[in-house]
PDB file of N, CA and C in Angstrom:
ATOM      1  N   UNK A   1     109.328 183.281 -26.060  1.00  0.00           N
ATOM      2  CA  UNK A   1     110.290 183.255 -24.983  1.00  0.00           C
ATOM      3  C   UNK A   1     109.649 182.723 -23.691  1.00  0.00           C
ATOM      4  N   UNK A   2     108.419 183.187 -23.431  1.00  0.00           N
ATOM      5  CA  UNK A   2     107.725 182.720 -22.253  1.00  0.00           C
ATOM      6  C   UNK A   2     107.504 181.210 -22.308  1.00  0.00           C
ATOM      7  N   UNK A   3     107.146 180.707 -23.481  1.00  0.00           N
ATOM      8  CA  UNK A   3     106.938 179.279 -23.663  1.00  0.00           C
ATOM      9  C   UNK A   3     108.208 178.498 -23.347  1.00  0.00           C
ATOM     10  N   UNK A   4     109.316 179.001 -23.822  1.00  0.00           N
ATOM     11  CA  UNK A   4     110.605 178.336 -23.600  1.00  0.00           C
ATOM     12  C   UNK A   4     110.956 178.309 -22.116  1.00  0.00           C
ATOM     13  N   UNK A   5     110.643 179.384 -21.423  1.00  0.00           N
ATOM     14  CA  UNK A   5     110.942 179.477 -19.998  1.00  0.00           C
ATOM     15  C   UNK A   5     110.100 178.461 -19.214  1.00  0.00           C
ATOM     16  N   UNK A   6     108.818 178.392 -19.512  1.00  0.00           N
ATOM     17  CA  UNK A   6     107.931 177.454 -18.828  1.00  0.00           C
ATOM     18  C   UNK A   6     108.293 176.013 -19.171  1.00  0.00           C
ATOM     19  N   UNK A   7     108.605 175.787 -20.432  1.00  0.00           N
ATOM     20  CA  UNK A   7     108.976 174.446 -20.859  1.00  0.00           C
ATOM     21  C   UNK A   7     110.250 173.981 -20.163  1.00  0.00           C
ATOM     22  N   UNK A   8     111.208 174.863 -20.034  1.00  0.00           N
ATOM     23  CA  UNK A   8     112.468 174.493 -19.383  1.00  0.00           C
ATOM     24  C   UNK A   8     112.256 174.261 -17.887  1.00  0.00           C
ATOM     25  N   UNK A   9     111.345 175.003 -17.246  1.00  0.00           N
ATOM     26  CA  UNK A   9     111.034 174.779 -15.836  1.00  0.00           C
ATOM     27  C   UNK A   9     110.375 173.410 -15.629  1.00  0.00           C
ATOM     28  N   UNK A  10     109.515 173.052 -16.538  1.00  0.00           N
ATOM     29  CA  UNK A  10     108.858 171.752 -16.448  1.00  0.00           C
ATOM     30  C   UNK A  10     109.884 170.636 -16.596  1.00  0.00           C
ATOM     31  N   UNK A  11     110.772 170.756 -17.558  1.00  0.00           N
ATOM     32  CA  UNK A  11     111.795 169.740 -17.791  1.00  0.00           C
ATOM     33  C   UNK A  11     112.711 169.628 -16.577  1.00  0.00           C
ATOM     34  N   UNK A  12     113.131 170.757 -16.015  1.00  0.00           N
ATOM     35  CA  UNK A  12     114.018 170.743 -14.852  1.00  0.00           C
ATOM     36  C   UNK A  12     113.302 170.133 -13.651  1.00  0.00           C
ATOM     37  N   UNK A  13     112.034 170.488 -13.434  1.00  0.00           N
ATOM     38  CA  UNK A  13     111.300 169.944 -12.286  1.00  0.00           C
ATOM     39  C   UNK A  13     111.083 168.434 -12.437  1.00  0.00           C
ATOM     40  N   UNK A  14     110.816 167.968 -13.647  1.00  0.00           N
ATOM     41  CA  UNK A  14     110.689 166.533 -13.873  1.00  0.00           C
ATOM     42  C   UNK A  14     112.007 165.822 -13.611  1.00  0.00           C
ATOM     43  N   UNK A  15     113.075 166.396 -14.068  1.00  0.00           N
ATOM     44  CA  UNK A  15     114.399 165.798 -13.885  1.00  0.00           C
ATOM     45  C   UNK A  15     114.739 165.699 -12.403  1.00  0.00           C
ATOM     46  N   UNK A  16     114.493 166.752 -11.668  1.00  0.00           N
ATOM     47  CA  UNK A  16     114.814 166.775 -10.241  1.00  0.00           C
ATOM     48  C   UNK A  16     113.910 165.797  -9.474  1.00  0.00           C
ATOM     49  N   UNK A  17     112.619 165.784  -9.785  1.00  0.00           N
ATOM     50  CA  UNK A  17     111.710 164.905  -9.049  1.00  0.00           C
ATOM     51  C   UNK A  17     111.963 163.434  -9.363  1.00  0.00           C
ATOM     52  N   UNK A  18     112.373 163.118 -10.582  1.00  0.00           N
ATOM     53  CA  UNK A  18     112.631 161.725 -10.947  1.00  0.00           C
ATOM     54  C   UNK A  18     113.990 161.242 -10.466  1.00  0.00           C
ATOM     55  N   UNK A  19     114.919 162.146 -10.293  1.00  0.00           N
ATOM     56  CA  UNK A  19     116.255 161.702  -9.931  1.00  0.00           C
ATOM     57  C   UNK A  19     116.498 161.675  -8.423  1.00  0.00           C
ATOM     58  N   UNK A  20     115.609 162.283  -7.639  1.00  0.00           N
ATOM     59  CA  UNK A  20     115.833 162.291  -6.189  1.00  0.00           C
ATOM     60  C   UNK A  20     115.531 160.913  -5.625  1.00  0.00           C
ATOM     61  N   UNK A  21     116.414 160.385  -4.791  1.00  0.00           N
ATOM     62  CA  UNK A  21     116.198 159.037  -4.256  1.00  0.00           C
ATOM     63  C   UNK A  21     115.037 159.038  -3.260  1.00  0.00           C
ATOM     64  N   UNK A  22     114.198 158.018  -3.353  1.00  0.00           N
ATOM     65  CA  UNK A  22     113.078 157.854  -2.439  1.00  0.00           C
ATOM     66  C   UNK A  22     113.463 156.812  -1.394  1.00  0.00           C
ATOM     67  N   UNK A  23     113.342 157.163  -0.140  1.00  0.00           N
ATOM     68  CA  UNK A  23     113.654 156.216   0.935  1.00  0.00           C
ATOM     69  C   UNK A  23     112.409 155.376   1.198  1.00  0.00           C
ATOM     70  N   UNK A  24     112.544 154.081   1.158  1.00  0.00           N
ATOM     71  CA  UNK A  24     111.396 153.242   1.462  1.00  0.00           C
ATOM     72  C   UNK A  24     111.304 153.038   2.985  1.00  0.00           C
ATOM     73  N   UNK A  25     110.318 152.275   3.420  1.00  0.00           N
ATOM     74  CA  UNK A  25     110.081 152.134   4.857  1.00  0.00           C
ATOM     75  C   UNK A  25     111.254 151.471   5.579  1.00  0.00           C
ATOM     76  N   UNK A  26     111.930 150.554   4.926  1.00  0.00           N
ATOM     77  CA  UNK A  26     113.048 149.883   5.580  1.00  0.00           C
ATOM     78  C   UNK A  26     114.183 150.858   5.847  1.00  0.00           C
ATOM     79  N   UNK A  27     114.385 151.817   4.914  1.00  0.00           N
ATOM     80  CA  UNK A  27     115.450 152.795   5.090  1.00  0.00           C
ATOM     81  C   UNK A  27     115.129 153.781   6.204  1.00  0.00           C
ATOM     82  N   UNK A  28     113.857 154.038   6.447  1.00  0.00           N
ATOM     83  CA  UNK A  28     113.454 155.004   7.460  1.00  0.00           C
ATOM     84  C   UNK A  28     113.532 154.422   8.870  1.00  0.00           C
ATOM     85  N   UNK A  29     113.673 153.136   8.977  1.00  0.00           N
ATOM     86  CA  UNK A  29     113.751 152.512  10.292  1.00  0.00           C
ATOM     87  C   UNK A  29     112.406 152.370  10.965  1.00  0.00           C
ATOM     88  N   UNK A  30     111.318 152.345  10.185  1.00  0.00           N
ATOM     89  CA  UNK A  30     109.993 152.173  10.758  1.00  0.00           C
ATOM     90  C   UNK A  30     109.823 150.722  11.208  1.00  0.00           C
ATOM     91  N   UNK A  31     109.136 150.519  12.313  1.00  0.00           N
ATOM     92  CA  UNK A  31     108.942 149.143  12.775  1.00  0.00           C
ATOM     93  C   UNK A  31     107.982 148.392  11.850  1.00  0.00           C
ATOM     94  N   UNK A  32     108.255 147.130  11.649  1.00  0.00           N
ATOM     95  CA  UNK A  32     107.384 146.276  10.855  1.00  0.00           C
ATOM     96  C   UNK A  32     106.415 145.605  11.809  1.00  0.00           C
ATOM     97  N   UNK A  33     105.119 145.791  11.553  1.00  0.00           N
ATOM     98  CA  UNK A  33     104.092 145.242  12.430  1.00  0.00           C
ATOM     99  C   UNK A  33     103.604 143.931  11.830  1.00  0.00           C
ATOM    100  N   UNK A  34     103.726 142.865  12.590  1.00  0.00           N
ATOM    101  CA  UNK A  34     103.235 141.573  12.116  1.00  0.00           C
ATOM    102  C   UNK A  34     101.881 141.300  12.760  1.00  0.00           C
ATOM    103  N   UNK A  35     100.939 140.826  11.957  1.00  0.00           N
ATOM    104  CA  UNK A  35      99.610 140.523  12.451  1.00  0.00           C
ATOM    105  C   UNK A  35      99.608 139.148  13.110  1.00  0.00           C
ATOM    106  N   UNK A  36      98.862 139.004  14.202  1.00  0.00           N
ATOM    107  CA  UNK A  36      98.815 137.695  14.859  1.00  0.00           C
ATOM    108  C   UNK A  36      98.066 136.682  13.988  1.00  0.00           C
ATOM    109  N   UNK A  37      98.429 135.432  14.123  1.00  0.00           N
ATOM    110  CA  UNK A  37      97.747 134.364  13.397  1.00  0.00           C
ATOM    111  C   UNK A  37      96.329 134.224  13.947  1.00  0.00           C
ATOM    112  N   UNK A  38      95.337 134.011  13.078  1.00  0.00           N
ATOM    113  CA  UNK A  38      93.973 133.836  13.584  1.00  0.00           C
ATOM    114  C   UNK A  38      93.834 132.530  14.355  1.00  0.00           C
ATOM    115  N   UNK A  39      93.001 132.563  15.377  1.00  0.00           N
ATOM    116  CA  UNK A  39      92.753 131.379  16.194  1.00  0.00           C
ATOM    117  C   UNK A  39      91.613 130.595  15.541  1.00  0.00           C
ATOM    118  N   UNK A  40      91.863 129.327  15.225  1.00  0.00           N
ATOM    119  CA  UNK A  40      90.867 128.485  14.568  1.00  0.00           C
ATOM    120  C   UNK A  40      90.515 127.323  15.488  1.00  0.00           C
ATOM    121  N   UNK A  41      89.221 127.187  15.770  1.00  0.00           N
ATOM    122  CA  UNK A  41      88.725 126.053  16.554  1.00  0.00           C
ATOM    123  C   UNK A  41      87.487 125.511  15.864  1.00  0.00           C
ATOM    124  N   UNK A  42      87.390 124.194  15.806  1.00  0.00           N
ATOM    125  CA  UNK A  42      86.275 123.510  15.148  1.00  0.00           C
ATOM    126  C   UNK A  42      86.115 123.945  13.685  1.00  0.00           C
ATOM    127  N   UNK A  43      87.173 124.438  13.076  1.00  0.00           N
ATOM    128  CA  UNK A  43      87.113 124.868  11.684  1.00  0.00           C
ATOM    129  C   UNK A  43      86.653 126.307  11.482  1.00  0.00           C
ATOM    130  N   UNK A  44      86.428 127.051  12.543  1.00  0.00           N
ATOM    131  CA  UNK A  44      85.991 128.441  12.460  1.00  0.00           C
ATOM    132  C   UNK A  44      87.075 129.352  13.027  1.00  0.00           C
ATOM    133  N   UNK A  45      87.197 130.535  12.449  1.00  0.00           N
ATOM    134  CA  UNK A  45      88.080 131.553  13.014  1.00  0.00           C
ATOM    135  C   UNK A  45      87.299 132.179  14.162  1.00  0.00           C
ATOM    136  N   UNK A  46      87.791 131.995  15.372  1.00  0.00           N
ATOM    137  CA  UNK A  46      87.018 132.386  16.556  1.00  0.00           C
ATOM    138  C   UNK A  46      87.329 133.791  17.062  1.00  0.00           C
ATOM    139  N   UNK A  47      88.168 134.525  16.357  1.00  0.00           N
ATOM    140  CA  UNK A  47      88.524 135.871  16.821  1.00  0.00           C
ATOM    141  C   UNK A  47      87.331 136.815  16.869  1.00  0.00           C
ATOM    142  N   UNK A  48      86.340 136.607  15.999  1.00  0.00           N
ATOM    143  CA  UNK A  48      85.191 137.503  15.955  1.00  0.00           C
ATOM    144  C   UNK A  48      84.010 136.981  16.754  1.00  0.00           C
ATOM    145  N   UNK A  49      84.143 135.813  17.356  1.00  0.00           N
ATOM    146  CA  UNK A  49      83.074 135.196  18.128  1.00  0.00           C
ATOM    147  C   UNK A  49      83.452 135.105  19.598  1.00  0.00           C
ATOM    148  N   UNK A  50      82.428 134.910  20.406  1.00  0.00           N
ATOM    149  CA  UNK A  50      82.633 134.473  21.773  1.00  0.00           C
ATOM    150  C   UNK A  50      82.334 132.978  21.754  1.00  0.00           C
ATOM    151  N   UNK A  51      83.298 132.166  22.111  1.00  0.00           N
ATOM    152  CA  UNK A  51      83.133 130.714  22.077  1.00  0.00           C
ATOM    153  C   UNK A  51      82.879 130.201  23.485  1.00  0.00           C
ATOM    154  N   UNK A  52      81.728 129.542  23.648  1.00  0.00           N
ATOM    155  CA  UNK A  52      81.374 128.942  24.928  1.00  0.00           C
ATOM    156  C   UNK A  52      81.444 127.433  24.750  1.00  0.00           C
ATOM    157  N   UNK A  53      82.375 126.790  25.449  1.00  0.00           N
ATOM    158  CA  UNK A  53      82.504 125.327  25.392  1.00  0.00           C
ATOM    159  C   UNK A  53      81.794 124.740  26.595  1.00  0.00           C
ATOM    160  N   UNK A  54      81.072 123.653  26.343  1.00  0.00           N
ATOM    161  CA  UNK A  54      80.341 123.024  27.438  1.00  0.00           C
ATOM    162  C   UNK A  54      80.161 121.544  27.141  1.00  0.00           C
ATOM    163  N   UNK A  55      79.538 120.847  28.070  1.00  0.00           N
ATOM    164  CA  UNK A  55      79.291 119.420  27.948  1.00  0.00           C
ATOM    165  C   UNK A  55      77.811 119.171  28.182  1.00  0.00           C
ATOM    166  N   UNK A  56      77.253 118.224  27.428  1.00  0.00           N
ATOM    167  CA  UNK A  56      75.841 117.890  27.593  1.00  0.00           C
ATOM    168  C   UNK A  56      75.659 117.166  28.926  1.00  0.00           C
ATOM    169  N   UNK A  57      74.729 117.677  29.718  1.00  0.00           N
ATOM    170  CA  UNK A  57      74.430 117.076  31.028  1.00  0.00           C
ATOM    171  C   UNK A  57      73.386 115.979  30.862  1.00  0.00           C
ATOM    172  N   UNK A  58      73.298 115.063  31.824  1.00  0.00           N
ATOM    173  CA  UNK A  58      72.256 114.030  31.745  1.00  0.00           C
ATOM    174  C   UNK A  58      70.868 114.665  31.683  1.00  0.00           C
ATOM    175  N   UNK A  59      70.045 114.191  30.741  1.00  0.00           N
ATOM    176  CA  UNK A  59      68.684 114.708  30.585  1.00  0.00           C
ATOM    177  C   UNK A  59      68.581 115.992  29.778  1.00  0.00           C
ATOM    178  N   UNK A  60      69.687 116.529  29.351  1.00  0.00           N
ATOM    179  CA  UNK A  60      69.667 117.777  28.585  1.00  0.00           C
ATOM    180  C   UNK A  60      69.460 117.468  27.099  1.00  0.00           C
ATOM    181  N   UNK A  61      68.644 118.258  26.448  1.00  0.00           N
ATOM    182  CA  UNK A  61      68.358 118.055  25.024  1.00  0.00           C
ATOM    183  C   UNK A  61      68.959 119.198  24.205  1.00  0.00           C
ATOM    184  N   UNK A  62      68.972 118.982  22.896  1.00  0.00           N
ATOM    185  CA  UNK A  62      69.461 120.036  22.008  1.00  0.00           C
ATOM    186  C   UNK A  62      68.570 121.269  22.112  1.00  0.00           C
ATOM    187  N   UNK A  63      67.274 121.031  22.275  1.00  0.00           N
ATOM    188  CA  UNK A  63      66.343 122.154  22.412  1.00  0.00           C
ATOM    189  C   UNK A  63      66.679 123.037  23.599  1.00  0.00           C
ATOM    190  N   UNK A  64      67.013 122.424  24.714  1.00  0.00           N
ATOM    191  CA  UNK A  64      67.375 123.199  25.909  1.00  0.00           C
ATOM    192  C   UNK A  64      68.682 123.955  25.688  1.00  0.00           C
ATOM    193  N   UNK A  65      69.659 123.295  25.043  1.00  0.00           N
ATOM    194  CA  UNK A  65      70.947 123.949  24.766  1.00  0.00           C
ATOM    195  C   UNK A  65      70.736 125.153  23.849  1.00  0.00           C
ATOM    196  N   UNK A  66      69.950 124.955  22.777  1.00  0.00           N
ATOM    197  CA  UNK A  66      69.714 126.055  21.830  1.00  0.00           C
ATOM    198  C   UNK A  66      68.922 127.182  22.477  1.00  0.00           C
ATOM    199  N   UNK A  67      67.883 126.829  23.247  1.00  0.00           N
ATOM    200  CA  UNK A  67      67.068 127.856  23.889  1.00  0.00           C
ATOM    201  C   UNK A  67      67.868 128.655  24.903  1.00  0.00           C
ATOM    202  N   UNK A  68      68.762 127.991  25.618  1.00  0.00           N
ATOM    203  CA  UNK A  68      69.642 128.683  26.564  1.00  0.00           C
ATOM    204  C   UNK A  68      70.537 129.690  25.846  1.00  0.00           C
ATOM    205  N   UNK A  69      70.855 129.400  24.589  1.00  0.00           N
ATOM    206  CA  UNK A  69      71.721 130.284  23.808  1.00  0.00           C
ATOM    207  C   UNK A  69      70.945 131.249  22.917  1.00  0.00           C
ATOM    208  N   UNK A  70      69.643 131.431  23.180  1.00  0.00           N
ATOM    209  CA  UNK A  70      68.874 132.474  22.515  1.00  0.00           C
ATOM    210  C   UNK A  70      68.136 132.069  21.255  1.00  0.00           C
ATOM    211  N   UNK A  71      67.995 130.780  20.979  1.00  0.00           N
ATOM    212  CA  UNK A  71      67.267 130.327  19.793  1.00  0.00           C
ATOM    213  C   UNK A  71      65.813 130.079  20.195  1.00  0.00           C
ATOM    214  N   UNK A  72      64.870 130.547  19.358  1.00  0.00           N
ATOM    215  CA  UNK A  72      63.449 130.415  19.687  1.00  0.00           C
ATOM    216  C   UNK A  72      62.973 128.977  19.502  1.00  0.00           C
ATOM    217  N   UNK A  73      61.846 128.661  20.140  1.00  0.00           N
ATOM    218  CA  UNK A  73      61.303 127.306  20.052  1.00  0.00           C
ATOM    219  C   UNK A  73      60.875 126.964  18.629  1.00  0.00           C
ATOM    220  N   UNK A  74      60.366 127.939  17.876  1.00  0.00           N
ATOM    221  CA  UNK A  74      59.968 127.658  16.493  1.00  0.00           C
ATOM    222  C   UNK A  74      61.184 127.318  15.628  1.00  0.00           C
ATOM    223  N   UNK A  75      62.289 127.993  15.861  1.00  0.00           N
ATOM    224  CA  UNK A  75      63.517 127.674  15.127  1.00  0.00           C
ATOM    225  C   UNK A  75      64.056 126.308  15.539  1.00  0.00           C
ATOM    226  N   UNK A  76      63.935 125.967  16.815  1.00  0.00           N
ATOM    227  CA  UNK A  76      64.380 124.663  17.309  1.00  0.00           C
ATOM    228  C   UNK A  76      63.569 123.547  16.646  1.00  0.00           C
ATOM    229  N   UNK A  77      62.255 123.751  16.502  1.00  0.00           N
ATOM    230  CA  UNK A  77      61.403 122.747  15.859  1.00  0.00           C
ATOM    231  C   UNK A  77      61.825 122.525  14.400  1.00  0.00           C
ATOM    232  N   UNK A  78      62.169 123.593  13.712  1.00  0.00           N
ATOM    233  CA  UNK A  78      62.624 123.477  12.314  1.00  0.00           C
ATOM    234  C   UNK A  78      63.942 122.709  12.246  1.00  0.00           C
ATOM    235  N   UNK A  79      64.856 123.026  13.153  1.00  0.00           N
ATOM    236  CA  UNK A  79      66.161 122.342  13.177  1.00  0.00           C
ATOM    237  C   UNK A  79      65.964 120.848  13.449  1.00  0.00           C
ATOM    238  N   UNK A  80      65.119 120.513  14.423  1.00  0.00           N
ATOM    239  CA  UNK A  80      64.875 119.105  14.766  1.00  0.00           C
ATOM    240  C   UNK A  80      64.249 118.365  13.591  1.00  0.00           C
ATOM    241  N   UNK A  81      63.327 118.999  12.885  1.00  0.00           N
ATOM    242  CA  UNK A  81      62.669 118.365  11.743  1.00  0.00           C
ATOM    243  C   UNK A  81      63.653 118.154  10.593  1.00  0.00           C
ATOM    244  N   UNK A  82      64.492 119.144  10.332  1.00  0.00           N
ATOM    245  CA  UNK A  82      65.428 119.070   9.208  1.00  0.00           C
ATOM    246  C   UNK A  82      66.563 118.072   9.446  1.00  0.00           C
ATOM    247  N   UNK A  83      66.921 117.834  10.693  1.00  0.00           N
ATOM    248  CA  UNK A  83      68.044 116.931  10.978  1.00  0.00           C
ATOM    249  C   UNK A  83      67.596 115.495  11.234  1.00  0.00           C
ATOM    250  N   UNK A  84      66.300 115.258  11.282  1.00  0.00           N
ATOM    251  CA  UNK A  84      65.800 113.898  11.500  1.00  0.00           C
ATOM    252  C   UNK A  84      66.163 113.021  10.300  1.00  0.00           C
ATOM    253  N   UNK A  85      66.541 111.783  10.556  1.00  0.00           N
ATOM    254  CA  UNK A  85      66.936 110.814   9.523  1.00  0.00           C
ATOM    255  C   UNK A  85      68.152 111.274   8.726  1.00  0.00           C
ATOM    256  N   UNK A  86      69.062 111.965   9.371  1.00  0.00           N
ATOM    257  CA  UNK A  86      70.339 112.340   8.772  1.00  0.00           C
ATOM    258  C   UNK A  86      71.458 111.747   9.622  1.00  0.00           C
ATOM    259  N   UNK A  87      72.685 112.038   9.259  1.00  0.00           N
ATOM    260  CA  UNK A  87      73.819 111.568  10.061  1.00  0.00           C
ATOM    261  C   UNK A  87      73.827 112.199  11.444  1.00  0.00           C
ATOM    262  N   UNK A  88      73.152 113.348  11.577  1.00  0.00           N
ATOM    263  CA  UNK A  88      73.113 114.036  12.870  1.00  0.00           C
ATOM    264  C   UNK A  88      71.667 114.135  13.323  1.00  0.00           C
ATOM    265  N   UNK A  89      71.165 113.085  13.905  1.00  0.00           N
ATOM    266  CA  UNK A  89      69.804 113.079  14.430  1.00  0.00           C
ATOM    267  C   UNK A  89      69.870 113.574  15.870  1.00  0.00           C
ATOM    268  N   UNK A  90      69.201 114.684  16.140  1.00  0.00           N
ATOM    269  CA  UNK A  90      69.310 115.329  17.454  1.00  0.00           C
ATOM    270  C   UNK A  90      68.696 114.501  18.577  1.00  0.00           C
ATOM    271  N   UNK A  91      67.944 113.470  18.243  1.00  0.00           N
ATOM    272  CA  UNK A  91      67.331 112.633  19.285  1.00  0.00           C
ATOM    273  C   UNK A  91      68.355 111.745  19.973  1.00  0.00           C
ATOM    274  N   UNK A  92      69.538 111.591  19.361  1.00  0.00           N
ATOM    275  CA  UNK A  92      70.520 110.657  19.903  1.00  0.00           C
ATOM    276  C   UNK A  92      71.735 111.347  20.526  1.00  0.00           C
ATOM    277  N   UNK A  93      71.542 112.502  21.098  1.00  0.00           N
ATOM    278  CA  UNK A  93      72.630 113.156  21.820  1.00  0.00           C
ATOM    279  C   UNK A  93      72.834 112.435  23.145  1.00  0.00           C
ATOM    280  N   UNK A  94      74.076 112.388  23.587  1.00  0.00           N
ATOM    281  CA  UNK A  94      74.380 111.666  24.828  1.00  0.00           C
ATOM    282  C   UNK A  94      75.058 112.591  25.832  1.00  0.00           C
ATOM    283  N   UNK A  95      74.798 112.344  27.088  1.00  0.00           N
ATOM    284  CA  UNK A  95      75.459 113.091  28.155  1.00  0.00           C
ATOM    285  C   UNK A  95      76.964 112.859  28.053  1.00  0.00           C
ATOM    286  N   UNK A  96      77.704 113.911  28.246  1.00  0.00           N
ATOM    287  CA  UNK A  96      79.162 113.833  28.169  1.00  0.00           C
ATOM    288  C   UNK A  96      79.725 114.337  26.852  1.00  0.00           C
ATOM    289  N   UNK A  97      78.875 114.438  25.811  1.00  0.00           N
ATOM    290  CA  UNK A  97      79.344 115.007  24.545  1.00  0.00           C
ATOM    291  C   UNK A  97      79.673 116.481  24.757  1.00  0.00           C
ATOM    292  N   UNK A  98      80.719 116.932  24.105  1.00  0.00           N
ATOM    293  CA  UNK A  98      81.074 118.353  24.225  1.00  0.00           C
ATOM    294  C   UNK A  98      80.514 119.119  23.037  1.00  0.00           C
ATOM    295  N   UNK A  99      80.282 120.398  23.270  1.00  0.00           N
ATOM    296  CA  UNK A  99      79.825 121.274  22.192  1.00  0.00           C
ATOM    297  C   UNK A  99      80.437 122.649  22.362  1.00  0.00           C
ATOM    298  N   UNK A 100      80.468 123.375  21.275  1.00  0.00           N
ATOM    299  CA  UNK A 100      80.951 124.749  21.284  1.00  0.00           C
ATOM    300  C   UNK A 100      79.892 125.656  20.695  1.00  0.00           C
ATOM    301  N   UNK A 101      79.506 126.677  21.424  1.00  0.00           N
ATOM    302  CA  UNK A 101      78.514 127.646  20.964  1.00  0.00           C
ATOM    303  C   UNK A 101      79.248 128.905  20.532  1.00  0.00           C
ATOM    304  N   UNK A 102      79.169 129.218  19.243  1.00  0.00           N
ATOM    305  CA  UNK A 102      79.809 130.416  18.698  1.00  0.00           C
ATOM    306  C   UNK A 102      78.790 131.548  18.702  1.00  0.00           C
ATOM    307  N   UNK A 103      79.067 132.577  19.472  1.00  0.00           N
ATOM    308  CA  UNK A 103      78.144 133.705  19.601  1.00  0.00           C
ATOM    309  C   UNK A 103      78.802 134.970  19.072  1.00  0.00           C
ATOM    310  N   UNK A 104      77.990 135.817  18.451  1.00  0.00           N
ATOM    311  CA  UNK A 104      78.468 137.126  18.016  1.00  0.00           C
ATOM    312  C   UNK A 104      78.048 138.122  19.087  1.00  0.00           C
ATOM    313  N   UNK A 105      79.013 138.795  19.706  1.00  0.00           N
ATOM    314  CA  UNK A 105      78.670 139.742  20.763  1.00  0.00           C
ATOM    315  C   UNK A 105      77.819 140.903  20.229  1.00  0.00           C
ATOM    316  N   UNK A 106      76.949 141.400  21.061  1.00  0.00           N
ATOM    317  CA  UNK A 106      76.149 142.597  20.796  1.00  0.00           C
ATOM    318  C   UNK A 106      75.206 142.427  19.619  1.00  0.00           C
ATOM    319  N   UNK A 107      74.586 141.266  19.494  1.00  0.00           N
ATOM    320  CA  UNK A 107      73.544 141.055  18.493  1.00  0.00           C
ATOM    321  C   UNK A 107      72.316 140.496  19.170  1.00  0.00           C
ATOM    322  N   UNK A 108      71.159 140.709  18.541  1.00  0.00           N
ATOM    323  CA  UNK A 108      69.904 140.242  19.135  1.00  0.00           C
ATOM    324  C   UNK A 108      69.909 138.713  19.231  1.00  0.00           C
ATOM    325  N   UNK A 109      70.130 138.044  18.105  1.00  0.00           N
ATOM    326  CA  UNK A 109      70.273 136.586  18.113  1.00  0.00           C
ATOM    327  C   UNK A 109      71.760 136.320  18.210  1.00  0.00           C
ATOM    328  N   UNK A 110      72.188 135.871  19.363  1.00  0.00           N
ATOM    329  CA  UNK A 110      73.615 135.747  19.607  1.00  0.00           C
ATOM    330  C   UNK A 110      74.231 134.503  18.991  1.00  0.00           C
ATOM    331  N   UNK A 111      73.518 133.392  18.986  1.00  0.00           N
ATOM    332  CA  UNK A 111      74.109 132.131  18.542  1.00  0.00           C
ATOM    333  C   UNK A 111      74.226 132.117  17.022  1.00  0.00           C
ATOM    334  N   UNK A 112      75.436 131.905  16.535  1.00  0.00           N
ATOM    335  CA  UNK A 112      75.654 131.825  15.095  1.00  0.00           C
ATOM    336  C   UNK A 112      75.896 130.394  14.645  1.00  0.00           C
ATOM    337  N   UNK A 113      76.695 129.647  15.410  1.00  0.00           N
ATOM    338  CA  UNK A 113      77.037 128.272  15.079  1.00  0.00           C
ATOM    339  C   UNK A 113      77.056 127.448  16.358  1.00  0.00           C
ATOM    340  N   UNK A 114      76.724 126.186  16.204  1.00  0.00           N
ATOM    341  CA  UNK A 114      76.819 125.255  17.319  1.00  0.00           C
ATOM    342  C   UNK A 114      77.542 124.023  16.806  1.00  0.00           C
ATOM    343  N   UNK A 115      78.645 123.680  17.447  1.00  0.00           N
ATOM    344  CA  UNK A 115      79.429 122.515  17.072  1.00  0.00           C
ATOM    345  C   UNK A 115      79.226 121.442  18.114  1.00  0.00           C
ATOM    346  N   UNK A 116      78.884 120.246  17.651  1.00  0.00           N
ATOM    347  CA  UNK A 116      78.718 119.108  18.556  1.00  0.00           C
ATOM    348  C   UNK A 116      79.799 118.092  18.240  1.00  0.00           C
ATOM    349  N   UNK A 117      80.447 117.568  19.274  1.00  0.00           N
ATOM    350  CA  UNK A 117      81.451 116.524  19.046  1.00  0.00           C
ATOM    351  C   UNK A 117      80.754 115.222  18.696  1.00  0.00           C
ATOM    352  N   UNK A 118      81.499 114.316  18.121  1.00  0.00           N
ATOM    353  CA  UNK A 118      80.933 113.006  17.774  1.00  0.00           C
ATOM    354  C   UNK A 118      80.647 112.219  19.044  1.00  0.00           C
ATOM    355  N   UNK A 119      79.686 111.316  18.941  1.00  0.00           N
ATOM    356  CA  UNK A 119      79.319 110.473  20.071  1.00  0.00           C
ATOM    357  C   UNK A 119      80.482 109.553  20.415  1.00  0.00           C
ATOM    358  N   UNK A 120      80.729 109.415  21.693  1.00  0.00           N
ATOM    359  CA  UNK A 120      81.846 108.569  22.126  1.00  0.00           C
ATOM    360  C   UNK A 120      81.555 107.110  21.919  1.00  0.00           C
TER     361      UNK A 120
END
């Protein structure tokens, strides 16, 4: 008898829980939050970076630009060596070219990416 009583309670509780209508979020009148579109510049999503745009001044070199943005001289030497005799030879930068320095806030080495525009 006890088994029958428990079994019938289980069946009734399943029936009631399965048959009760569930209101979804639209029925409750909750606001729908839309996420803003990410901002993309130079092919990077810049929402997580601080983007500093600037122009190369007369007499300014890539080494000076990188060092100003926290890159060490030893790293600059490696970059200059690796880019020599490529499509982007750092020896041929010209005054007036624009660049974008992508920095990650609150990090020891702040500069993550450097974008240089094509020579005019």
